[in-house]
Amino acid sequence: MNKKFILIAGTITLTILTIGAFLLFEYANPWVEEKLSKQLDSLRESPINLTYKKLDVNILSGKATLDSVSITKKEGKNHYTFTFDQLKINGLGVVTYLINNQIELGKIKLDNPHLVFTRILDADSLNQEETSQSINLPDLLIKSFESNHGTFSIRNKKGDSSNQFITGKFDLSVRNLKADSAKKHEFKYVDLDKLDFGLSDIDIAFPDSLYTTSVKKVNFNLDTRSLQIDSISVKSRYDKYKLAHVVNHEIDWIDIGNPAIKISGIDIGLLLDHGMYYVEKATIEGFNAVIFRDKRLPFPQKPDTELLHQFIAKLGVKTAIDTVQLKRGRVEYQEFVKQGVGPGKVTFEELYASFYNFTNVDSIQKKSDYTAYMDARSMVMGKTLLEASFTFPLVDNGRQYTVNGKMKSADLATFNPMLEDVAFVRIEKGHMNDLEFEFKYNLEKSNGTMKFAYEDLKINTLDKESNRSKGLGENIKSFIANTFVVKTNNTKNDSFRIGSIEFKRNEKKSIFNYWWKSLLTGFRSSTGIKAPEETVDTN
């Protein structure tokens, strides 16, 4: 009797479940599918303009697929198209959707996503204001979102022509994404528990650029609010002797190799809500740059070089970076002057620098008394330690920029690789005991003092054609110069000569030129060495 009852009850239950499943799949499944389609179709006229070819829902397995999806924006200055072959959903929460009208998804995976971002350069589009229409998102919970092996490109478009200048790959991983247009969220439209976003194999090549840039990997982590950039390379399309002839004027040829950059303390809320870039710290490690300038060509017609407060005043977006650090850098500067035999060079090894308070935000500027600071140290020519400190006014308040520094003892002949090919003089011997300098500068000129203690200085002029010591007559001139003009010894005793730093700025030249030429006047007045530009035009 009991067995017969159990058999009958089981049969009835199985029949009910079968009929329920049939009814659920036959009627509820299309109803859910239709309701989801309507919500997705409502996004066709939204700012994200979502379209798709087919939606397939299976509420029994909790799976759904969306085929041939496209998200586009074609208004204003920036257009984009985001496409993928198929969007796969696992863990479709039918009960929560039917009861609470909340779309709950266990896992979403994108197949072959591709993003095209287009900057429109036509005059009409550039003058067109971006719309501020809000995105009406449904009550949505996505527990896991994965997008692997995606590709992207960024291009400029003007008229009928389009130039692609950035390409790369991307991966995206999100955990517990929540969206609801009726609620306020931490990240503008959504809340997130975890986000990892990575770019790789990035190539940057503007059509009219003289340089190409490649980046091996970029990764952003929401938990740590950090951005890691690995292996950057910036290279010229031309070799260092050809570049200036391509543009027909002086220009810096630059080769930058493989620095690692870490940006930490990124405030995502300020970026999304107010469009402000705030970063606690940016660290650049392993920076290696070679810079070459061929001064045998004419100097270019160019705008005046801006000092820091002028540059900051023109920044289009609010920006604040508390600290920028450079670690283990190396910079080599080469210069080929008119009538030179080859390029002179100076190197800065083991370069460390820290820059503080880069910002155009008034409230943050005020906390630092409207001043930015920089400390730097390096082994010049790999032989002697140079340390320097700088202050930079962030606004035009009448304050001057300041520089002060010191250098340890060194054999002065260490600097011949630059002096011989640029100034056509050779230091035969001489020892620097120590060097201290300080000066102020503004938009027009610099002034300050230099304490350059050295002894037993002997110099010789060189033939411009061969870079060899000149004949007897010219060497007599060098003897007279060493005896009567150049101060052979300048030790810190009663006759110690304090050099005067005075230089009128050339507004077309770089800030590095301004610093170097200011220091050069201090060296001249300390030693009595004739100014290089009085001998040959090195400017």
Protein backbone atom coordinates (compact mmCIF):
# COMPACT_ATOMS: atom_id res chain seq x y z
CA MET A 1 0.00 0.00 0.00
CA ASN A 2 2.77 2.42 1.00
CA LYS A 3 4.84 1.51 -2.02
CA LYS A 4 1.86 1.98 -4.29
CA PHE A 5 1.14 5.39 -2.73
CA ILE A 6 4.73 6.52 -3.07
CA LEU A 7 4.78 5.40 -6.70
CA ILE A 8 1.55 7.25 -7.47
CA ALA A 9 2.67 10.39 -5.61
CA GLY A 10 6.03 10.36 -7.36
CA THR A 11 4.39 9.96 -10.72
CA ILE A 12 2.00 12.83 -10.05
CA THR A 13 4.85 15.07 -8.82
CA LEU A 14 6.99 14.25 -11.84
CA THR A 15 4.05 14.94 -14.12
CA ILE A 16 3.38 18.30 -12.45
CA LEU A 17 7.06 19.25 -12.71
CA THR A 18 7.15 18.20 -16.34
CA ILE A 19 4.01 20.14 -17.13
CA GLY A 20 5.35 23.12 -15.10
CA ALA A 21 8.64 23.02 -16.96
CA PHE A 22 6.81 22.80 -20.25
CA LEU A 23 4.56 25.75 -19.34
CA LEU A 24 7.54 27.68 -17.99
CA PHE A 25 9.56 27.15 -21.13
CA GLU A 26 6.55 27.57 -23.45
CA TYR A 27 5.08 30.72 -21.89
CA ALA A 28 7.32 32.19 -19.17
CA ASN A 29 10.53 31.92 -21.22
CA PRO A 30 9.16 33.98 -24.16
CA TRP A 31 7.64 36.45 -21.68
CA VAL A 32 10.94 36.98 -19.91
CA GLU A 33 12.73 37.17 -23.26
CA GLU A 34 10.25 39.79 -24.52
CA LYS A 35 10.52 41.85 -21.35
CA LEU A 36 14.34 41.84 -21.49
CA SER A 37 14.18 42.75 -25.18
CA LYS A 38 12.04 45.79 -24.40
CA GLN A 39 14.53 47.00 -21.77
CA LEU A 40 17.42 46.48 -24.16
CA ASP A 41 15.53 48.15 -27.00
CA SER A 42 14.99 51.21 -24.77
CA LEU A 43 18.76 51.75 -24.96
CA ARG A 44 18.66 52.20 -28.74
CA GLU A 45 17.78 55.89 -28.37
CA SER A 46 19.97 56.45 -25.30
CA PRO A 47 23.48 57.98 -25.41
CA ILE A 48 24.99 54.46 -25.65
CA ASN A 49 22.76 53.46 -28.64
CA LEU A 50 22.77 49.68 -28.10
CA THR A 51 21.73 47.38 -30.95
CA TYR A 52 21.91 43.62 -31.33
CA LYS A 53 20.85 40.91 -33.76
CA LYS A 54 19.35 38.25 -31.50
CA LEU A 55 18.52 37.61 -27.83
CA ASP A 56 18.15 34.01 -26.70
CA VAL A 57 17.05 33.21 -23.12
CA ASN A 58 16.78 29.82 -21.42
CA ILE A 59 15.35 30.31 -17.93
CA LEU A 60 15.64 26.60 -17.10
CA SER A 61 19.43 26.64 -17.44
CA GLY A 62 19.74 30.28 -16.41
CA LYS A 63 21.66 31.09 -19.57
CA ALA A 64 21.26 33.75 -22.23
CA THR A 65 23.14 34.94 -25.29
CA LEU A 66 23.14 38.24 -27.16
CA ASP A 67 24.50 38.08 -30.71
CA SER A 68 26.18 40.72 -32.90
CA VAL A 69 26.06 43.54 -30.34
CA SER A 70 27.00 47.13 -31.17
CA ILE A 71 27.19 50.17 -28.87
CA THR A 72 27.72 53.46 -30.69
CA LYS A 73 27.86 57.19 -30.16
CA LYS A 74 28.00 59.50 -33.18
CA GLU A 75 27.36 62.97 -31.82
CA GLY A 76 29.71 65.74 -30.71
CA LYS A 77 33.49 65.72 -30.91
CA ASN A 78 34.12 62.09 -29.94
CA HIS A 79 32.50 59.09 -31.59
CA TYR A 80 32.91 55.47 -30.60
CA THR A 81 31.78 52.02 -31.70
CA PHE A 82 32.02 48.99 -29.40
CA THR A 83 31.19 45.67 -31.02
CA PHE A 84 31.40 42.01 -30.04
CA ASP A 85 30.28 38.78 -31.69
CA GLN A 86 28.46 37.33 -28.73
CA LEU A 87 27.70 38.10 -25.11
CA LYS A 88 27.30 34.98 -22.98
CA ILE A 89 25.37 35.05 -19.70
CA ASN A 90 25.36 32.33 -17.02
CA GLY A 91 23.33 32.48 -13.83
CA LEU A 92 20.36 34.50 -15.07
CA GLY A 93 18.28 35.22 -11.94
CA VAL A 94 14.71 34.73 -13.17
CA VAL A 95 13.08 34.80 -9.70
CA THR A 96 14.62 38.15 -8.72
CA TYR A 97 13.67 39.52 -12.11
CA LEU A 98 10.02 38.38 -11.83
CA ILE A 99 9.61 39.47 -8.18
CA ASN A 100 11.80 42.60 -7.87
CA ASN A 101 12.27 43.52 -11.54
CA GLN A 102 16.01 43.33 -10.92
CA ILE A 103 18.25 41.83 -13.57
CA GLU A 104 20.67 39.54 -11.74
CA LEU A 105 23.42 37.89 -13.77
CA GLY A 106 25.96 35.40 -12.47
CA LYS A 107 28.62 35.74 -15.17
CA ILE A 108 29.01 37.62 -18.43
CA LYS A 109 31.69 36.87 -20.98
CA LEU A 110 32.38 38.82 -24.16
CA ASP A 111 33.65 37.14 -27.32
CA ASN A 112 35.99 39.09 -29.64
CA PRO A 113 35.22 42.62 -28.43
CA HIS A 114 36.50 45.50 -30.56
CA LEU A 115 36.43 49.19 -29.69
CA VAL A 116 36.89 52.00 -32.22
CA PHE A 117 37.16 55.52 -30.82
CA THR A 118 37.09 58.35 -33.36
CA ARG A 119 38.02 61.99 -32.75
CA ILE A 120 36.13 64.22 -35.21
CA LEU A 121 38.25 67.13 -36.43
CA ASP A 122 35.68 68.85 -38.68
CA ALA A 123 34.93 72.45 -37.68
CA ASP A 124 31.20 71.77 -37.20
CA SER A 125 31.85 68.86 -34.87
CA LEU A 126 34.54 70.69 -32.90
CA ASN A 127 32.10 73.52 -32.21
CA GLN A 128 29.29 71.13 -31.29
CA GLU A 129 28.57 70.85 -27.58
CA GLU A 130 28.60 67.39 -26.00
CA THR A 131 25.15 66.32 -24.82
CA SER A 132 24.70 65.71 -21.12
CA GLN A 133 21.81 63.26 -21.51
CA SER A 134 21.83 60.73 -18.69
CA ILE A 135 21.85 56.98 -19.25
CA ASN A 136 18.70 55.27 -17.96
CA LEU A 137 20.08 51.99 -16.62
CA PRO A 138 17.84 49.25 -15.16
CA ASP A 139 18.21 47.77 -11.68
CA LEU A 140 21.11 45.50 -12.48
CA LEU A 141 23.55 43.20 -10.65
CA ILE A 142 26.40 41.47 -12.48
CA LYS A 143 28.44 39.22 -10.21
CA SER A 144 31.22 38.60 -12.73
CA PHE A 145 32.14 40.24 -16.03
CA GLU A 146 35.03 39.03 -18.19
CA SER A 147 36.31 40.38 -21.48
CA ASN A 148 39.45 38.76 -22.82
CA HIS A 149 41.57 39.26 -25.94
CA GLY A 150 39.80 42.45 -26.96
CA THR A 151 41.25 44.88 -29.50
CA PHE A 152 40.92 48.64 -29.83
CA SER A 153 41.88 51.49 -32.13
CA ILE A 154 41.77 55.27 -31.85
CA ARG A 155 41.65 57.42 -34.94
CA ASN A 156 41.21 60.98 -36.18
CA LYS A 157 38.60 61.74 -38.81
CA LYS A 158 38.40 64.85 -40.95
CA GLY A 159 35.96 64.92 -43.84
CA ASP A 160 36.07 61.60 -45.64
CA SER A 161 39.60 60.71 -44.51
CA SER A 162 40.38 58.78 -41.34
CA ASN A 163 43.79 58.12 -39.78
CA GLN A 164 44.33 55.39 -37.21
CA PHE A 165 47.07 56.34 -34.76
CA ILE A 166 46.65 54.12 -31.67
CA THR A 167 46.07 50.37 -31.64
CA GLY A 168 46.28 47.70 -28.97
CA LYS A 169 44.67 44.91 -27.02
CA PHE A 170 42.63 44.98 -23.82
CA ASP A 171 41.30 42.75 -21.04
CA LEU A 172 38.64 43.62 -18.47
CA SER A 173 37.51 41.90 -15.27
CA VAL A 174 34.71 43.22 -13.00
CA ARG A 175 33.18 41.81 -9.84
CA ASN A 176 29.74 42.73 -8.42
CA LEU A 177 28.73 45.55 -10.72
CA LYS A 178 25.53 47.23 -9.53
CA ALA A 179 23.53 49.77 -11.53
CA ASP A 180 20.22 51.55 -11.00
CA SER A 181 19.44 54.97 -12.44
CA ALA A 182 17.15 55.65 -9.46
CA LYS A 183 20.06 55.44 -6.99
CA LYS A 184 23.29 57.33 -6.38
CA HIS A 185 26.48 55.39 -7.04
CA GLU A 186 30.14 55.66 -6.10
CA PHE A 187 31.28 55.66 -9.73
CA LYS A 188 28.68 57.90 -11.36
CA TYR A 189 26.46 55.21 -12.95
CA VAL A 190 27.58 52.07 -11.10
CA ASP A 191 29.07 50.53 -7.96
CA LEU A 192 31.93 48.04 -8.25
CA ASP A 193 33.63 45.71 -5.79
CA LYS A 194 36.59 44.97 -8.05
CA LEU A 195 37.89 46.11 -11.41
CA ASP A 196 41.04 45.13 -13.29
CA PHE A 197 41.61 46.74 -16.67
CA GLY A 198 44.61 45.98 -18.81
CA LEU A 199 46.01 47.19 -22.13
CA SER A 200 48.85 45.54 -24.02
CA ASP A 201 50.89 45.78 -27.22
CA ILE A 202 50.00 49.44 -27.69
CA ASP A 203 51.39 51.23 -30.75
CA ILE A 204 51.08 55.01 -31.09
CA ALA A 205 51.99 56.60 -34.40
CA PHE A 206 50.43 59.91 -35.43
CA PRO A 207 50.41 60.24 -39.22
CA ASP A 208 52.40 63.50 -39.20
CA SER A 209 54.59 62.66 -36.20
CA LEU A 210 58.34 62.28 -36.31
CA TYR A 211 58.17 59.68 -33.55
CA THR A 212 56.53 56.35 -32.77
CA THR A 213 55.67 55.15 -29.27
CA SER A 214 55.06 51.62 -28.05
CA VAL A 215 53.87 50.38 -24.65
CA LYS A 216 54.10 46.73 -23.68
CA LYS A 217 51.52 46.73 -20.90
CA VAL A 218 49.18 48.99 -18.90
CA ASN A 219 47.15 47.76 -15.94
CA PHE A 220 44.62 49.59 -13.75
CA ASN A 221 43.51 48.13 -10.41
CA LEU A 222 40.49 49.62 -8.64
CA ASP A 223 41.36 48.18 -5.21
CA THR A 224 44.72 49.94 -5.07
CA ARG A 225 43.62 52.92 -7.22
CA SER A 226 46.82 52.44 -9.18
CA LEU A 227 47.97 52.39 -12.81
CA GLN A 228 51.06 50.40 -13.84
CA ILE A 229 52.75 51.09 -17.19
CA ASP A 230 55.56 48.80 -18.34
CA SER A 231 58.15 49.12 -21.08
CA ILE A 232 57.59 52.40 -22.89
CA SER A 233 59.69 53.10 -25.94
CA VAL A 234 59.80 56.39 -27.89
CA LYS A 235 61.82 56.36 -31.10
CA SER A 236 62.30 58.68 -34.05
CA ARG A 237 61.27 57.59 -37.53
CA TYR A 238 64.68 58.92 -38.70
CA ASP A 239 68.26 58.54 -37.50
CA LYS A 240 69.71 61.36 -35.44
CA TYR A 241 71.62 63.01 -38.30
CA LYS A 242 68.70 62.92 -40.74
CA LEU A 243 65.87 64.22 -38.55
CA ALA A 244 66.90 67.88 -38.61
CA HIS A 245 67.31 67.76 -42.40
CA VAL A 246 63.76 66.39 -42.74
CA VAL A 247 62.31 69.42 -40.93
CA ASN A 248 65.05 71.82 -42.20
CA HIS A 249 65.84 73.30 -38.79
CA GLU A 250 67.27 72.44 -35.37
CA ILE A 251 65.23 69.87 -33.48
CA ASP A 252 65.82 67.46 -30.63
CA TRP A 253 66.24 63.83 -31.69
CA ILE A 254 65.08 61.70 -28.77
CA ASP A 255 65.38 58.01 -27.97
CA ILE A 256 63.63 56.95 -24.74
CA GLY A 257 63.85 53.38 -23.60
CA ASN A 258 61.72 51.21 -21.34
CA PRO A 259 60.85 53.11 -18.17
CA ALA A 260 58.39 51.59 -15.73
CA ILE A 261 55.75 54.03 -14.48
CA LYS A 262 53.46 53.52 -11.51
CA ILE A 263 50.68 56.00 -10.75
CA SER A 264 49.05 55.48 -7.34
CA GLY A 265 46.31 57.15 -5.32
CA ILE A 266 44.06 57.93 -8.30
CA ASP A 267 40.79 59.54 -7.21
CA ILE A 268 38.21 57.93 -9.50
CA GLY A 269 35.32 59.79 -7.89
CA LEU A 270 36.77 63.22 -8.71
CA LEU A 271 37.48 62.09 -12.27
CA LEU A 272 33.98 60.77 -12.95
CA ASP A 273 31.98 63.40 -11.06
CA HIS A 274 34.03 66.54 -11.74
CA GLY A 275 36.41 65.66 -14.58
CA MET A 276 39.43 66.37 -12.32
CA TYR A 277 42.63 64.34 -12.41
CA TYR A 278 44.01 63.80 -8.90
CA VAL A 279 46.99 61.53 -8.26
CA GLU A 280 48.92 61.05 -5.04
CA LYS A 281 52.14 59.80 -6.60
CA ALA A 282 53.70 59.00 -9.98
CA THR A 283 56.95 57.01 -10.00
CA ILE A 284 59.14 56.66 -13.10
CA GLU A 285 61.85 54.02 -12.74
CA GLY A 286 64.60 53.01 -15.14
CA PHE A 287 64.19 56.07 -17.40
CA ASN A 288 66.87 56.10 -20.10
CA ALA A 289 67.01 58.91 -22.67
CA VAL A 290 69.46 59.95 -25.36
CA ILE A 291 68.93 63.46 -26.76
CA PHE A 292 70.80 64.79 -29.78
CA ARG A 293 70.63 68.26 -31.32
CA ASP A 294 72.25 69.24 -34.60
CA LYS A 295 72.97 72.97 -34.35
CA ARG A 296 74.44 73.21 -37.83
CA LEU A 297 70.92 73.88 -39.13
CA PRO A 298 68.97 77.14 -38.61
CA PHE A 299 67.02 77.66 -35.42
CA PRO A 300 63.26 77.18 -36.01
CA GLN A 301 60.56 79.81 -35.93
CA LYS A 302 58.59 78.84 -32.84
CA PRO A 303 56.47 80.32 -30.05
CA ASP A 304 58.11 81.43 -26.83
CA THR A 305 58.86 78.65 -24.38
CA GLU A 306 56.49 78.79 -21.43
CA LEU A 307 57.67 78.71 -17.84
CA LEU A 308 55.80 76.41 -15.47
CA HIS A 309 53.21 78.91 -14.20
CA GLN A 310 52.32 79.83 -17.80
CA PHE A 311 51.94 76.18 -18.79
CA ILE A 312 49.76 75.36 -15.78
CA ALA A 313 47.49 78.34 -16.42
CA LYS A 314 46.66 76.93 -19.87
CA LEU A 315 45.83 73.38 -18.76
CA GLY A 316 42.35 72.55 -20.00
CA VAL A 317 41.40 70.27 -17.10
CA LYS A 318 41.83 70.50 -13.36
CA THR A 319 44.91 68.47 -12.43
CA ALA A 320 46.71 67.74 -9.17
CA ILE A 321 49.71 65.43 -8.70
CA ASP A 322 51.15 65.47 -5.19
CA THR A 323 54.50 63.84 -6.02
CA VAL A 324 56.39 62.80 -9.16
CA GLN A 325 59.49 60.70 -8.58
CA LEU A 326 62.23 59.68 -11.01
CA LYS A 327 64.44 56.78 -9.92
CA ARG A 328 67.58 55.31 -11.48
CA GLY A 329 67.34 57.48 -14.56
CA ARG A 330 70.01 58.17 -17.14
CA VAL A 331 70.10 61.06 -19.59
CA GLU A 332 72.73 61.63 -22.27
CA TYR A 333 72.74 64.94 -24.14
CA GLN A 334 74.67 65.28 -27.40
CA GLU A 335 75.21 68.46 -29.40
CA PHE A 336 76.79 69.03 -32.82
CA VAL A 337 77.73 72.72 -33.23
CA LYS A 338 78.62 74.69 -36.32
CA GLN A 339 82.22 74.07 -37.39
CA GLY A 340 82.33 71.09 -35.05
CA VAL A 341 84.08 67.82 -35.86
CA GLY A 342 81.59 65.64 -33.99
CA PRO A 343 78.98 65.85 -31.25
CA GLY A 344 79.96 66.77 -27.72
CA LYS A 345 78.16 64.98 -24.95
CA VAL A 346 77.38 65.12 -21.26
CA THR A 347 75.76 62.32 -19.24
CA PHE A 348 73.73 62.29 -16.05
CA GLU A 349 73.93 58.85 -14.46
CA GLU A 350 71.95 57.53 -11.49
CA LEU A 351 69.47 60.37 -11.82
CA TYR A 352 66.95 60.74 -8.98
CA ALA A 353 64.42 63.55 -8.76
CA SER A 354 61.26 64.38 -6.79
CA PHE A 355 58.76 67.01 -7.90
CA TYR A 356 56.04 68.18 -5.49
CA ASN A 357 52.73 70.04 -5.92
CA PHE A 358 52.04 69.99 -9.65
CA THR A 359 48.54 71.45 -9.76
CA ASN A 360 46.29 74.12 -11.23
CA VAL A 361 43.62 73.70 -8.52
CA ASP A 362 43.54 76.92 -6.48
CA SER A 363 42.54 75.32 -3.16
CA ILE A 364 45.48 72.88 -3.41
CA GLN A 365 47.89 75.57 -4.63
CA LYS A 366 47.01 77.66 -1.59
CA LYS A 367 48.05 74.88 0.81
CA SER A 368 51.55 74.88 -0.72
CA ASP A 369 51.76 78.69 -0.78
CA TYR A 370 51.31 78.59 -4.56
CA THR A 371 54.74 76.97 -4.97
CA ALA A 372 56.01 73.71 -6.45
CA TYR A 373 59.34 72.17 -5.48
CA MET A 374 61.88 69.81 -7.00
CA ASP A 375 64.97 68.07 -5.59
CA ALA A 376 67.37 66.24 -7.89
CA ARG A 377 70.73 64.49 -7.77
CA SER A 378 72.87 62.75 -10.36
CA MET A 379 76.38 61.54 -11.12
CA VAL A 380 77.58 63.90 -13.87
CA MET A 381 79.59 62.00 -16.48
CA GLY A 382 79.28 59.11 -14.05
CA LYS A 383 82.06 60.68 -11.94
CA THR A 384 80.86 63.46 -9.61
CA LEU A 385 77.68 64.04 -7.60
CA LEU A 386 75.49 67.02 -8.50
CA GLU A 387 72.63 67.96 -6.16
CA ALA A 388 70.12 70.73 -6.88
CA SER A 389 66.86 72.12 -5.49
CA PHE A 390 64.28 74.21 -7.34
CA THR A 391 61.18 76.25 -6.51
CA PHE A 392 58.49 77.08 -9.08
CA PRO A 393 55.73 79.66 -8.55
CA LEU A 394 52.44 78.13 -9.71
CA VAL A 395 50.75 81.45 -10.46
CA ASP A 396 51.86 84.84 -11.75
CA ASN A 397 52.24 86.50 -8.34
CA GLY A 398 55.54 88.30 -8.87
CA ARG A 399 57.64 85.63 -7.21
CA GLN A 400 60.80 84.46 -8.93
CA TYR A 401 61.90 80.91 -9.64
CA THR A 402 64.93 79.74 -7.63
CA VAL A 403 67.74 77.25 -8.18
CA ASN A 404 70.50 76.24 -5.78
CA GLY A 405 72.89 73.36 -5.87
CA LYS A 406 76.31 71.92 -5.22
CA MET A 407 78.76 69.54 -6.81
CA LYS A 408 81.40 67.34 -5.19
CA SER A 409 85.11 67.34 -6.09
CA ALA A 410 86.10 66.16 -9.55
CA ASP A 411 88.87 66.07 -12.13
CA LEU A 412 87.90 68.96 -14.44
CA ALA A 413 89.15 67.03 -17.49
CA THR A 414 86.07 64.85 -16.95
CA PHE A 415 84.05 67.46 -18.83
CA ASN A 416 86.23 67.45 -21.98
CA PRO A 417 83.82 65.23 -24.01
CA MET A 418 81.48 68.23 -24.13
CA LEU A 419 83.97 71.13 -24.03
CA GLU A 420 86.22 69.87 -26.86
CA ASP A 421 83.44 69.51 -29.44
CA VAL A 422 81.20 72.38 -28.35
CA ALA A 423 83.52 75.11 -26.98
CA PHE A 424 86.75 74.05 -28.80
CA VAL A 425 88.76 74.10 -25.59
CA ARG A 426 90.42 71.28 -23.68
CA ILE A 427 91.11 71.22 -19.97
CA GLU A 428 94.63 69.80 -19.80
CA LYS A 429 94.46 69.52 -16.04
CA GLY A 430 92.69 70.95 -13.05
CA HIS A 431 90.79 69.83 -9.98
CA MET A 432 87.45 71.08 -8.68
CA ASN A 433 87.39 71.13 -4.88
CA ASP A 434 83.71 71.95 -4.66
CA LEU A 435 81.02 73.99 -6.38
CA GLU A 436 78.04 75.87 -4.93
CA PHE A 437 75.56 78.01 -6.85
CA GLU A 438 72.29 79.81 -6.33
CA PHE A 439 70.27 82.05 -8.60
CA LYS A 440 66.79 83.39 -9.22
CA TYR A 441 65.10 83.83 -12.56
CA ASN A 442 61.92 85.14 -14.15
CA LEU A 443 60.57 85.58 -17.66
CA GLU A 444 63.39 87.96 -18.60
CA LYS A 445 66.66 87.24 -16.79
CA SER A 446 68.52 85.36 -14.09
CA ASN A 447 70.92 86.56 -11.42
CA GLY A 448 72.84 84.95 -8.58
CA THR A 449 76.25 83.79 -7.41
CA MET A 450 78.60 80.84 -7.87
CA LYS A 451 81.35 79.62 -5.55
CA PHE A 452 83.62 77.54 -7.74
CA ALA A 453 86.68 76.35 -5.81
CA TYR A 454 89.37 74.72 -7.96
CA GLU A 455 93.13 74.60 -8.43
CA ASP A 456 95.84 74.03 -11.03
CA LEU A 457 93.54 74.80 -14.01
CA LYS A 458 95.22 74.63 -17.43
CA ILE A 459 93.27 74.94 -20.69
CA ASN A 460 94.17 74.79 -24.36
CA THR A 461 92.32 75.97 -27.45
CA LEU A 462 91.56 73.47 -30.23
CA ASP A 463 91.57 73.70 -34.01
CA LYS A 464 87.94 73.71 -35.19
CA GLU A 465 88.73 71.55 -38.21
CA SER A 466 90.56 68.72 -36.44
CA ASN A 467 89.91 69.17 -32.70
CA ARG A 468 93.69 69.02 -32.13
CA SER A 469 95.80 71.49 -30.23
CA LYS A 470 96.78 74.44 -32.41
CA GLY A 471 100.26 75.36 -33.60
CA LEU A 472 102.94 77.34 -31.78
CA GLY A 473 101.31 80.76 -32.31
CA GLU A 474 97.94 79.63 -31.05
CA ASN A 475 99.49 77.77 -28.13
CA ILE A 476 101.23 80.98 -27.12
CA LYS A 477 97.75 82.52 -26.96
CA SER A 478 96.66 79.63 -24.75
CA PHE A 479 99.70 80.24 -22.53
CA ILE A 480 98.81 83.92 -22.21
CA ALA A 481 95.20 83.02 -21.50
CA ASN A 482 96.21 80.56 -18.78
CA THR A 483 98.67 83.02 -17.26
CA PHE A 484 96.88 86.34 -17.40
CA VAL A 485 93.16 85.75 -18.11
CA VAL A 486 92.21 82.40 -16.65
CA LYS A 487 92.52 82.22 -12.88
CA THR A 488 94.65 79.10 -12.40
CA ASN A 489 93.71 78.64 -8.76
CA ASN A 490 90.56 79.77 -7.03
CA THR A 491 90.73 78.33 -3.53
CA LYS A 492 88.76 79.58 -0.55
CA ASN A 493 91.26 82.05 0.83
CA ASP A 494 91.51 85.83 0.85
CA SER A 495 91.66 86.04 -2.96
CA PHE A 496 88.73 83.68 -3.62
CA ARG A 497 86.71 84.91 -6.60
CA ILE A 498 82.93 84.56 -6.30
CA GLY A 499 81.37 84.21 -9.72
CA SER A 500 78.43 86.32 -10.81
CA ILE A 501 75.47 84.66 -12.52
CA GLU A 502 73.75 87.05 -14.93
CA PHE A 503 71.96 85.94 -18.07
CA LYS A 504 69.31 87.49 -20.29
CA ARG A 505 66.83 84.82 -21.29
CA ASN A 506 66.24 83.75 -24.87
CA GLU A 507 62.46 83.14 -24.79
CA LYS A 508 62.66 80.69 -27.71
CA LYS A 509 65.03 78.30 -25.96
CA SER A 510 64.15 75.56 -23.48
CA ILE A 511 64.22 75.87 -19.70
CA PHE A 512 67.31 73.63 -19.68
CA ASN A 513 69.07 76.11 -21.93
CA TYR A 514 68.05 78.89 -19.52
CA TRP A 515 69.51 77.02 -16.52
CA TRP A 516 72.71 76.00 -18.33
CA LYS A 517 73.45 79.43 -19.80
CA SER A 518 72.86 81.01 -16.39
CA LEU A 519 75.39 78.65 -14.80
CA LEU A 520 77.81 79.23 -17.67
CA THR A 521 78.05 82.94 -16.81
CA GLY A 522 79.02 81.91 -13.27
CA PHE A 523 81.78 79.61 -14.58
CA ARG A 524 83.11 82.37 -16.82
CA SER A 525 83.29 85.01 -14.14
CA SER A 526 84.81 82.53 -11.67
CA THR A 527 87.57 81.36 -14.02
CA GLY A 528 87.99 84.10 -16.62
CA ILE A 529 87.52 81.58 -19.47
CA LYS A 530 86.39 83.29 -22.65
CA ALA A 531 82.72 82.80 -23.51
CA PRO A 532 82.28 80.03 -26.12
CA GLU A 533 79.88 82.11 -28.22
CA GLU A 534 82.58 84.79 -28.50
CA THR A 535 84.62 82.17 -30.36
CA VAL A 536 81.99 80.28 -32.31
CA ASP A 537 78.20 80.48 -32.59
CA THR A 538 77.01 77.58 -30.42
CA ASN A 539 73.59 79.10 -29.80
